[in-house]
Amino acid sequence: MTSINKLALGLLLAGAMAMGGCGGDTYPDEISLEDAPRLITEAFKDEKDASVKAMAGQVSQLIKVKNYTAAHGTIAQLLSVPSLASGQRSLLSGAMMTVAENLNKAAEQG
């Protein structure tokens, strides 16, 4: 397993555990890379915290330009914000899973 695979898997597992707790039964819905920018923008359009809103916008842009490594890291940062609504957190968790899967596929292909 390459170091990128290990990193992506580790971040995915850490994000999943942080979102649902270690023993949670629910998992976020996975979203497509095509839908993620629009859904994230919509979910954060009324966000009062300017830095959180800016980070969400950055995630949307990074996914649009296919910079999945940076998007993954920024999603992880956003998920650490305690004030996120549960819908925002679930959406970001789904986006993180999709981005991580894409990173794993890219690493496998070289």
Protein backbone atom coordinates (compact mmCIF):
# COMPACT_ATOMS: atom_id res chain seq x y z
CA MET A 1 0.00 0.00 0.00
CA THR A 2 1.53 3.32 -1.02
CA SER A 3 1.82 6.23 1.37
CA ILE A 4 -0.94 8.13 -0.47
CA ASN A 5 -3.26 5.16 -0.06
CA LYS A 6 -2.40 4.93 3.63
CA LEU A 7 -2.96 8.66 4.09
CA ALA A 8 -6.27 8.67 2.24
CA LEU A 9 -7.52 5.62 4.10
CA GLY A 10 -6.42 7.02 7.45
CA LEU A 11 -8.10 10.35 6.83
CA LEU A 12 -11.25 8.63 5.62
CA LEU A 13 -11.42 6.46 8.72
CA ALA A 14 -10.67 9.38 11.03
CA GLY A 15 -13.36 11.46 9.37
CA ALA A 16 -15.91 8.67 9.55
CA MET A 17 -15.19 8.09 13.23
CA ALA A 18 -15.33 11.79 14.02
CA MET A 19 -18.65 12.21 12.22
CA GLY A 20 -20.58 9.29 13.57
CA GLY A 21 -18.74 8.36 16.70
CA CYS A 22 -16.85 5.12 17.01
CA GLY A 23 -19.95 2.96 17.37
CA GLY A 24 -22.44 4.85 15.20
CA ASP A 25 -24.82 2.92 12.99
CA THR A 26 -25.45 5.60 10.39
CA TYR A 27 -23.24 6.55 7.51
CA PRO A 28 -23.40 9.68 5.38
CA ASP A 29 -24.82 9.46 1.90
CA GLU A 30 -22.11 9.39 -0.72
CA ILE A 31 -22.39 12.17 -3.29
CA SER A 32 -20.93 12.37 -6.77
CA LEU A 33 -17.96 14.57 -7.60
CA GLU A 34 -20.17 16.33 -10.14
CA ASP A 35 -22.84 17.22 -7.56
CA ALA A 36 -20.53 17.99 -4.63
CA PRO A 37 -19.62 21.61 -5.49
CA ARG A 38 -23.27 22.63 -5.95
CA LEU A 39 -24.49 20.77 -2.87
CA ILE A 40 -21.74 22.18 -0.66
CA THR A 41 -22.35 25.72 -1.92
CA GLU A 42 -26.07 25.36 -1.20
CA ALA A 43 -25.49 23.88 2.25
CA PHE A 44 -23.27 26.78 3.32
CA LYS A 45 -24.98 29.68 1.52
CA ASP A 46 -26.48 31.03 4.77
CA GLU A 47 -23.47 30.25 6.98
CA LYS A 48 -22.87 33.08 9.44
CA ASP A 49 -19.21 32.28 10.15
CA ALA A 50 -17.31 33.91 7.27
CA SER A 51 -14.28 31.65 7.61
CA VAL A 52 -16.42 28.50 7.52
CA LYS A 53 -18.31 29.82 4.50
CA ALA A 54 -15.01 30.65 2.77
CA MET A 55 -13.62 27.17 3.46
CA ALA A 56 -16.77 25.58 2.06
CA GLY A 57 -16.41 27.72 -1.06
CA GLN A 58 -12.79 26.64 -1.31
CA VAL A 59 -13.80 22.97 -1.12
CA SER A 60 -16.30 23.50 -3.94
CA GLN A 61 -13.66 25.16 -6.11
CA LEU A 62 -11.02 22.53 -5.37
CA ILE A 63 -13.41 19.75 -6.38
CA LYS A 64 -14.37 21.64 -9.56
CA VAL A 65 -10.72 21.90 -10.61
CA LYS A 66 -10.09 18.28 -9.57
CA ASN A 67 -7.56 19.10 -6.86
CA TYR A 68 -8.80 16.23 -4.71
CA THR A 69 -5.82 16.11 -2.36
CA ALA A 70 -6.33 19.72 -1.29
CA ALA A 71 -10.12 19.25 -1.20
CA HIS A 72 -9.72 16.27 1.13
CA GLY A 73 -7.56 18.26 3.53
CA THR A 74 -9.90 21.25 3.51
CA ILE A 75 -12.92 19.02 4.12
CA ALA A 76 -11.08 17.50 7.10
CA GLN A 77 -10.48 21.00 8.48
CA LEU A 78 -14.14 21.92 8.01
CA LEU A 79 -15.28 18.76 9.74
CA SER A 80 -13.35 19.82 12.83
CA VAL A 81 -15.56 22.91 13.24
CA PRO A 82 -17.86 22.14 16.20
CA SER A 83 -20.62 24.55 15.14
CA LEU A 84 -21.50 22.76 11.89
CA ALA A 85 -25.13 21.73 11.49
CA SER A 86 -25.70 17.99 11.26
CA GLY A 87 -26.77 18.30 7.61
CA GLN A 88 -23.59 20.18 6.75
CA ARG A 89 -21.49 17.62 8.60
CA SER A 90 -23.23 14.71 6.86
CA LEU A 91 -22.81 16.32 3.44
CA LEU A 92 -19.11 16.99 4.04
CA SER A 93 -18.61 13.43 5.28
CA GLY A 94 -20.19 12.09 2.09
CA ALA A 95 -18.01 14.39 0.00
CA MET A 96 -14.94 13.23 1.92
CA MET A 97 -15.74 9.60 1.21
CA THR A 98 -16.16 10.34 -2.50
CA VAL A 99 -12.95 12.36 -2.69
CA ALA A 100 -11.01 9.68 -0.75
CA GLU A 101 -12.26 6.96 -3.08
CA ASN A 102 -11.15 9.05 -6.05
CA LEU A 103 -7.71 9.55 -4.49
CA ASN A 104 -7.40 5.81 -3.91
CA LYS A 105 -8.32 5.04 -7.52
CA ALA A 106 -5.80 7.57 -8.78
CA ALA A 107 -3.09 6.11 -6.55
CA GLU A 108 -3.82 2.59 -7.77
CA GLN A 109 -3.52 3.74 -11.39
CA GLY A 110 -0.26 5.49 -10.66
